């Protein structure tokens, strides 16, 4: 998992990230990534060659498909 972080932090528009486990469901992990814009994530990173390499670092930890949500800070 840690091997994927250098891929993430070098992406255009990347600001920061947080990674942790769910206190109520210890086998559930979450990753929050802060981007300058939604497009930096959806049009930039998700369509880049780096994206599949990044995701591959998390596959060993997935017991089901990962979920993805986009949030706007209020």
PDB file of N, CA and C in Angstrom:
ATOM      1  N   UNK A   1       0.815  -1.180   0.000  1.00  0.00           N
ATOM      2  CA  UNK A   1       0.000   0.000   0.000  1.00  0.00           C
ATOM      3  C   UNK A   1       0.870   1.260   0.000  1.00  0.00           C
ATOM      4  N   UNK A   2       1.868   1.268   0.844  1.00  0.00           N
ATOM      5  CA  UNK A   2       2.763   2.425   0.927  1.00  0.00           C
ATOM      6  C   UNK A   2       3.453   2.697  -0.406  1.00  0.00           C
ATOM      7  N   UNK A   3       3.676   1.653  -1.201  1.00  0.00           N
ATOM      8  CA  UNK A   3       4.349   1.833  -2.491  1.00  0.00           C
ATOM      9  C   UNK A   3       3.523   2.677  -3.440  1.00  0.00           C
ATOM     10  N   UNK A   4       2.214   2.718  -3.257  1.00  0.00           N
ATOM     11  CA  UNK A   4       1.349   3.494  -4.138  1.00  0.00           C
ATOM     12  C   UNK A   4       1.349   4.981  -3.840  1.00  0.00           C
ATOM     13  N   UNK A   5       1.757   5.366  -2.650  1.00  0.00           N
ATOM     14  CA  UNK A   5       1.683   6.770  -2.268  1.00  0.00           C
ATOM     15  C   UNK A   5       2.588   7.688  -3.081  1.00  0.00           C
ATOM     16  N   UNK A   6       3.821   7.296  -3.434  1.00  0.00           N
ATOM     17  CA  UNK A   6       4.617   8.171  -4.297  1.00  0.00           C
ATOM     18  C   UNK A   6       3.948   8.436  -5.656  1.00  0.00           C
ATOM     19  N   UNK A   7       3.199   7.463  -6.148  1.00  0.00           N
ATOM     20  CA  UNK A   7       2.462   7.657  -7.402  1.00  0.00           C
ATOM     21  C   UNK A   7       1.418   8.738  -7.204  1.00  0.00           C
ATOM     22  N   UNK A   8       0.721   8.680  -6.095  1.00  0.00           N
ATOM     23  CA  UNK A   8      -0.340   9.642  -5.820  1.00  0.00           C
ATOM     24  C   UNK A   8       0.201  11.055  -5.644  1.00  0.00           C
ATOM     25  N   UNK A   9       1.209  11.201  -4.816  1.00  0.00           N
ATOM     26  CA  UNK A   9       1.663  12.555  -4.459  1.00  0.00           C
ATOM     27  C   UNK A   9       2.318  13.308  -5.620  1.00  0.00           C
ATOM     28  N   UNK A  10       2.726  12.625  -6.674  1.00  0.00           N
ATOM     29  CA  UNK A  10       3.341  13.321  -7.811  1.00  0.00           C
ATOM     30  C   UNK A  10       2.315  13.777  -8.862  1.00  0.00           C
ATOM     31  N   UNK A  11       1.029  13.504  -8.628  1.00  0.00           N
ATOM     32  CA  UNK A  11       0.007  13.850  -9.606  1.00  0.00           C
ATOM     33  C   UNK A  11      -0.293  15.347  -9.607  1.00  0.00           C
ATOM     34  N   UNK A  12      -0.524  15.872 -10.785  1.00  0.00           N
ATOM     35  CA  UNK A  12      -0.900  17.274 -10.912  1.00  0.00           C
ATOM     36  C   UNK A  12      -2.218  17.501 -10.180  1.00  0.00           C
ATOM     37  N   UNK A  13      -2.270  18.521  -9.374  1.00  0.00           N
ATOM     38  CA  UNK A  13      -3.483  18.852  -8.642  1.00  0.00           C
ATOM     39  C   UNK A  13      -3.603  18.203  -7.276  1.00  0.00           C
ATOM     40  N   UNK A  14      -2.699  17.284  -6.951  1.00  0.00           N
ATOM     41  CA  UNK A  14      -2.717  16.637  -5.637  1.00  0.00           C
ATOM     42  C   UNK A  14      -2.397  17.668  -4.560  1.00  0.00           C
ATOM     43  N   UNK A  15      -3.175  17.644  -3.474  1.00  0.00           N
ATOM     44  CA  UNK A  15      -2.905  18.524  -2.336  1.00  0.00           C
ATOM     45  C   UNK A  15      -2.418  17.709  -1.140  1.00  0.00           C
ATOM     46  N   UNK A  16      -3.217  16.728  -0.717  1.00  0.00           N
ATOM     47  CA  UNK A  16      -2.859  15.914   0.445  1.00  0.00           C
ATOM     48  C   UNK A  16      -3.752  14.682   0.475  1.00  0.00           C
ATOM     49  N   UNK A  17      -3.463  13.787   1.406  1.00  0.00           N
ATOM     50  CA  UNK A  17      -4.307  12.601   1.568  1.00  0.00           C
ATOM     51  C   UNK A  17      -4.328  12.174   3.033  1.00  0.00           C
ATOM     52  N   UNK A  18      -5.331  11.370   3.373  1.00  0.00           N
ATOM     53  CA  UNK A  18      -5.458  10.762   4.688  1.00  0.00           C
ATOM     54  C   UNK A  18      -5.834   9.307   4.471  1.00  0.00           C
ATOM     55  N   UNK A  19      -5.270   8.427   5.262  1.00  0.00           N
ATOM     56  CA  UNK A  19      -5.553   6.998   5.146  1.00  0.00           C
ATOM     57  C   UNK A  19      -5.801   6.458   6.544  1.00  0.00           C
ATOM     58  N   UNK A  20      -6.790   5.595   6.695  1.00  0.00           N
ATOM     59  CA  UNK A  20      -7.054   5.040   8.010  1.00  0.00           C
ATOM     60  C   UNK A  20      -7.977   3.843   7.963  1.00  0.00           C
ATOM     61  N   UNK A  21      -8.299   3.337   9.139  1.00  0.00           N
ATOM     62  CA  UNK A  21      -9.226   2.220   9.269  1.00  0.00           C
ATOM     63  C   UNK A  21     -10.491   2.699   9.969  1.00  0.00           C
ATOM     64  N   UNK A  22     -11.580   2.022   9.676  1.00  0.00           N
ATOM     65  CA  UNK A  22     -12.873   2.308  10.288  1.00  0.00           C
ATOM     66  C   UNK A  22     -12.852   1.742  11.711  1.00  0.00           C
ATOM     67  N   UNK A  23     -13.124   2.569  12.699  1.00  0.00           N
ATOM     68  CA  UNK A  23     -13.081   2.114  14.092  1.00  0.00           C
ATOM     69  C   UNK A  23     -14.162   1.077  14.390  1.00  0.00           C
ATOM     70  N   UNK A  24     -15.293   1.166  13.691  1.00  0.00           N
ATOM     71  CA  UNK A  24     -16.385   0.215  13.911  1.00  0.00           C
ATOM     72  C   UNK A  24     -16.203  -1.074  13.120  1.00  0.00           C
ATOM     73  N   UNK A  25     -15.484  -0.994  12.008  1.00  0.00           N
ATOM     74  CA  UNK A  25     -15.230  -2.151  11.155  1.00  0.00           C
ATOM     75  C   UNK A  25     -13.741  -2.181  10.821  1.00  0.00           C
ATOM     76  N   UNK A  26     -12.922  -2.744  11.701  1.00  0.00           N
ATOM     77  CA  UNK A  26     -11.465  -2.659  11.567  1.00  0.00           C
ATOM     78  C   UNK A  26     -10.881  -3.206  10.260  1.00  0.00           C
ATOM     79  N   UNK A  27     -11.609  -4.017   9.534  1.00  0.00           N
ATOM     80  CA  UNK A  27     -11.114  -4.508   8.245  1.00  0.00           C
ATOM     81  C   UNK A  27     -11.523  -3.602   7.093  1.00  0.00           C
ATOM     82  N   UNK A  28     -12.137  -2.474   7.401  1.00  0.00           N
ATOM     83  CA  UNK A  28     -12.530  -1.489   6.389  1.00  0.00           C
ATOM     84  C   UNK A  28     -11.549  -0.325   6.439  1.00  0.00           C
ATOM     85  N   UNK A  29     -10.957  -0.019   5.297  1.00  0.00           N
ATOM     86  CA  UNK A  29      -9.989   1.067   5.180  1.00  0.00           C
ATOM     87  C   UNK A  29     -10.593   2.196   4.361  1.00  0.00           C
ATOM     88  N   UNK A  30     -10.112   3.401   4.567  1.00  0.00           N
ATOM     89  CA  UNK A  30     -10.557   4.532   3.765  1.00  0.00           C
ATOM     90  C   UNK A  30      -9.346   5.382   3.367  1.00  0.00           C
ATOM     91  N   UNK A  31      -9.473   5.987   2.217  1.00  0.00           N
ATOM     92  CA  UNK A  31      -8.450   6.889   1.698  1.00  0.00           C
ATOM     93  C   UNK A  31      -9.161   8.142   1.219  1.00  0.00           C
ATOM     94  N   UNK A  32      -8.804   9.266   1.781  1.00  0.00           N
ATOM     95  CA  UNK A  32      -9.346  10.549   1.344  1.00  0.00           C
ATOM     96  C   UNK A  32      -8.209  11.304   0.669  1.00  0.00           C
ATOM     97  N   UNK A  33      -8.446  11.749  -0.555  1.00  0.00           N
ATOM     98  CA  UNK A  33      -7.442  12.516  -1.290  1.00  0.00           C
ATOM     99  C   UNK A  33      -8.021  13.894  -1.575  1.00  0.00           C
ATOM    100  N   UNK A  34      -7.249  14.911  -1.284  1.00  0.00           N
ATOM    101  CA  UNK A  34      -7.654  16.291  -1.544  1.00  0.00           C
ATOM    102  C   UNK A  34      -6.984  16.745  -2.839  1.00  0.00           C
ATOM    103  N   UNK A  35      -7.817  17.204  -3.776  1.00  0.00           N
ATOM    104  CA  UNK A  35      -7.351  17.667  -5.084  1.00  0.00           C
ATOM    105  C   UNK A  35      -7.659  19.151  -5.236  1.00  0.00           C
ATOM    106  N   UNK A  36      -6.899  19.817  -6.091  1.00  0.00           N
ATOM    107  CA  UNK A  36      -7.187  21.227  -6.373  1.00  0.00           C
ATOM    108  C   UNK A  36      -8.559  21.364  -7.023  1.00  0.00           C
ATOM    109  N   UNK A  37      -8.885  20.456  -7.942  1.00  0.00           N
ATOM    110  CA  UNK A  37     -10.198  20.456  -8.601  1.00  0.00           C
ATOM    111  C   UNK A  37     -10.647  19.014  -8.807  1.00  0.00           C
ATOM    112  N   UNK A  38     -11.928  18.809  -9.005  1.00  0.00           N
ATOM    113  CA  UNK A  38     -12.455  17.486  -9.324  1.00  0.00           C
ATOM    114  C   UNK A  38     -11.820  16.958 -10.607  1.00  0.00           C
ATOM    115  N   UNK A  39     -11.596  17.840 -11.565  1.00  0.00           N
ATOM    116  CA  UNK A  39     -11.023  17.435 -12.845  1.00  0.00           C
ATOM    117  C   UNK A  39      -9.599  16.909 -12.707  1.00  0.00           C
ATOM    118  N   UNK A  40      -8.861  17.413 -11.746  1.00  0.00           N
ATOM    119  CA  UNK A  40      -7.520  16.858 -11.528  1.00  0.00           C
ATOM    120  C   UNK A  40      -7.607  15.368 -11.210  1.00  0.00           C
ATOM    121  N   UNK A  41      -8.663  14.975 -10.506  1.00  0.00           N
ATOM    122  CA  UNK A  41      -8.847  13.556 -10.190  1.00  0.00           C
ATOM    123  C   UNK A  41      -9.448  12.797 -11.366  1.00  0.00           C
ATOM    124  N   UNK A  42     -10.595  13.272 -11.874  1.00  0.00           N
ATOM    125  CA  UNK A  42     -11.344  12.501 -12.869  1.00  0.00           C
ATOM    126  C   UNK A  42     -10.746  12.553 -14.266  1.00  0.00           C
ATOM    127  N   UNK A  43     -10.292  13.698 -14.684  1.00  0.00           N
ATOM    128  CA  UNK A  43      -9.749  13.841 -16.045  1.00  0.00           C
ATOM    129  C   UNK A  43      -8.240  13.635 -16.085  1.00  0.00           C
ATOM    130  N   UNK A  44      -7.584  13.921 -14.989  1.00  0.00           N
ATOM    131  CA  UNK A  44      -6.133  13.771 -14.931  1.00  0.00           C
ATOM    132  C   UNK A  44      -5.717  12.407 -14.419  1.00  0.00           C
ATOM    133  N   UNK A  45      -5.794  12.237 -13.119  1.00  0.00           N
ATOM    134  CA  UNK A  45      -5.269  11.021 -12.490  1.00  0.00           C
ATOM    135  C   UNK A  45      -5.979   9.754 -12.944  1.00  0.00           C
ATOM    136  N   UNK A  46      -7.299   9.728 -12.932  1.00  0.00           N
ATOM    137  CA  UNK A  46      -8.017   8.490 -13.285  1.00  0.00           C
ATOM    138  C   UNK A  46      -7.789   8.063 -14.730  1.00  0.00           C
ATOM    139  N   UNK A  47      -7.430   8.979 -15.601  1.00  0.00           N
ATOM    140  CA  UNK A  47      -7.187   8.632 -17.002  1.00  0.00           C
ATOM    141  C   UNK A  47      -5.706   8.484 -17.314  1.00  0.00           C
ATOM    142  N   UNK A  48      -4.865   8.566 -16.289  1.00  0.00           N
ATOM    143  CA  UNK A  48      -3.418   8.478 -16.509  1.00  0.00           C
ATOM    144  C   UNK A  48      -2.941   7.034 -16.426  1.00  0.00           C
ATOM    145  N   UNK A  49      -1.751   6.810 -16.963  1.00  0.00           N
ATOM    146  CA  UNK A  49      -1.113   5.492 -16.871  1.00  0.00           C
ATOM    147  C   UNK A  49      -0.787   5.155 -15.416  1.00  0.00           C
ATOM    148  N   UNK A  50      -0.555   6.164 -14.600  1.00  0.00           N
ATOM    149  CA  UNK A  50      -0.233   5.940 -13.190  1.00  0.00           C
ATOM    150  C   UNK A  50      -1.403   5.372 -12.392  1.00  0.00           C
ATOM    151  N   UNK A  51      -2.629   5.612 -12.835  1.00  0.00           N
ATOM    152  CA  UNK A  51      -3.793   5.215 -12.041  1.00  0.00           C
ATOM    153  C   UNK A  51      -3.837   3.711 -11.805  1.00  0.00           C
ATOM    154  N   UNK A  52      -3.669   2.907 -12.847  1.00  0.00           N
ATOM    155  CA  UNK A  52      -3.727   1.452 -12.671  1.00  0.00           C
ATOM    156  C   UNK A  52      -2.604   0.949 -11.771  1.00  0.00           C
ATOM    157  N   UNK A  53      -1.434   1.546 -11.876  1.00  0.00           N
ATOM    158  CA  UNK A  53      -0.324   1.159 -10.997  1.00  0.00           C
ATOM    159  C   UNK A  53      -0.647   1.514  -9.547  1.00  0.00           C
ATOM    160  N   UNK A  54      -1.280   2.648  -9.343  1.00  0.00           N
ATOM    161  CA  UNK A  54      -1.685   3.062  -8.001  1.00  0.00           C
ATOM    162  C   UNK A  54      -2.706   2.081  -7.419  1.00  0.00           C
ATOM    163  N   UNK A  55      -3.738   1.760  -8.183  1.00  0.00           N
ATOM    164  CA  UNK A  55      -4.797   0.855  -7.733  1.00  0.00           C
ATOM    165  C   UNK A  55      -4.241  -0.536  -7.449  1.00  0.00           C
ATOM    166  N   UNK A  56      -3.278  -0.984  -8.232  1.00  0.00           N
ATOM    167  CA  UNK A  56      -2.698  -2.316  -8.043  1.00  0.00           C
ATOM    168  C   UNK A  56      -2.096  -2.476  -6.649  1.00  0.00           C
ATOM    169  N   UNK A  57      -1.630  -1.401  -6.057  1.00  0.00           N
ATOM    170  CA  UNK A  57      -1.064  -1.463  -4.710  1.00  0.00           C
ATOM    171  C   UNK A  57      -2.115  -1.751  -3.642  1.00  0.00           C
ATOM    172  N   UNK A  58      -3.385  -1.496  -3.954  1.00  0.00           N
ATOM    173  CA  UNK A  58      -4.453  -1.703  -2.980  1.00  0.00           C
ATOM    174  C   UNK A  58      -5.195  -3.018  -3.187  1.00  0.00           C
ATOM    175  N   UNK A  59      -5.063  -3.632  -4.347  1.00  0.00           N
ATOM    176  CA  UNK A  59      -5.815  -4.870  -4.633  1.00  0.00           C
ATOM    177  C   UNK A  59      -5.639  -5.965  -3.585  1.00  0.00           C
ATOM    178  N   UNK A  60      -4.446  -6.196  -3.050  1.00  0.00           N
ATOM    179  CA  UNK A  60      -4.305  -7.258  -2.049  1.00  0.00           C
ATOM    180  C   UNK A  60      -5.144  -7.029  -0.786  1.00  0.00           C
ATOM    181  N   UNK A  61      -5.552  -5.796  -0.549  1.00  0.00           N
ATOM    182  CA  UNK A  61      -6.306  -5.474   0.661  1.00  0.00           C
ATOM    183  C   UNK A  61      -7.818  -5.455   0.429  1.00  0.00           C
ATOM    184  N   UNK A  62      -8.242  -5.577  -0.821  1.00  0.00           N
ATOM    185  CA  UNK A  62      -9.668  -5.482  -1.143  1.00  0.00           C
ATOM    186  C   UNK A  62     -10.345  -6.844  -1.041  1.00  0.00           C
ATOM    187  N   UNK A  63     -11.421  -6.894  -0.285  1.00  0.00           N
ATOM    188  CA  UNK A  63     -12.230  -8.108  -0.211  1.00  0.00           C
ATOM    189  C   UNK A  63     -13.510  -7.938  -1.031  1.00  0.00           C
ATOM    190  N   UNK A  64     -13.748  -6.713  -1.496  1.00  0.00           N
ATOM    191  CA  UNK A  64     -14.884  -6.388  -2.358  1.00  0.00           C
ATOM    192  C   UNK A  64     -14.481  -5.163  -3.180  1.00  0.00           C
ATOM    193  N   UNK A  65     -15.234  -4.840  -4.227  1.00  0.00           N
ATOM    194  CA  UNK A  65     -14.878  -3.657  -5.009  1.00  0.00           C
ATOM    195  C   UNK A  65     -14.838  -2.398  -4.140  1.00  0.00           C
ATOM    196  N   UNK A  66     -13.876  -1.566  -4.399  1.00  0.00           N
ATOM    197  CA  UNK A  66     -13.756  -0.308  -3.658  1.00  0.00           C
ATOM    198  C   UNK A  66     -14.892   0.630  -4.061  1.00  0.00           C
ATOM    199  N   UNK A  67     -15.294   1.462  -3.136  1.00  0.00           N
ATOM    200  CA  UNK A  67     -16.293   2.483  -3.444  1.00  0.00           C
ATOM    201  C   UNK A  67     -15.595   3.825  -3.556  1.00  0.00           C
ATOM    202  N   UNK A  68     -16.186   4.704  -4.325  1.00  0.00           N
ATOM    203  CA  UNK A  68     -15.599   6.016  -4.578  1.00  0.00           C
ATOM    204  C   UNK A  68     -16.684   7.063  -4.474  1.00  0.00           C
ATOM    205  N   UNK A  69     -16.389   8.137  -3.751  1.00  0.00           N
ATOM    206  CA  UNK A  69     -17.317   9.263  -3.631  1.00  0.00           C
ATOM    207  C   UNK A  69     -16.511  10.546  -3.761  1.00  0.00           C
ATOM    208  N   UNK A  70     -17.161  11.561  -4.302  1.00  0.00           N
ATOM    209  CA  UNK A  70     -16.551  12.878  -4.391  1.00  0.00           C
ATOM    210  C   UNK A  70     -17.299  13.818  -3.459  1.00  0.00           C
ATOM    211  N   UNK A  71     -16.551  14.590  -2.671  1.00  0.00           N
ATOM    212  CA  UNK A  71     -17.136  15.506  -1.701  1.00  0.00           C
ATOM    213  C   UNK A  71     -16.637  16.906  -1.949  1.00  0.00           C
ATOM    214  N   UNK A  72     -17.444  17.863  -1.568  1.00  0.00           N
ATOM    215  CA  UNK A  72     -17.057  19.265  -1.635  1.00  0.00           C
ATOM    216  C   UNK A  72     -16.985  19.807  -0.213  1.00  0.00           C
ATOM    217  N   UNK A  73     -15.875  20.433   0.150  1.00  0.00           N
ATOM    218  CA  UNK A  73     -15.805  20.998   1.508  1.00  0.00           C
ATOM    219  C   UNK A  73     -16.805  22.138   1.659  1.00  0.00           C
ATOM    220  N   UNK A  74     -17.462  22.162   2.773  1.00  0.00           N
ATOM    221  CA  UNK A  74     -18.461  23.216   3.040  1.00  0.00           C
ATOM    222  C   UNK A  74     -17.989  24.069   4.176  1.00  0.00           C
TER     223      UNK A  74
END
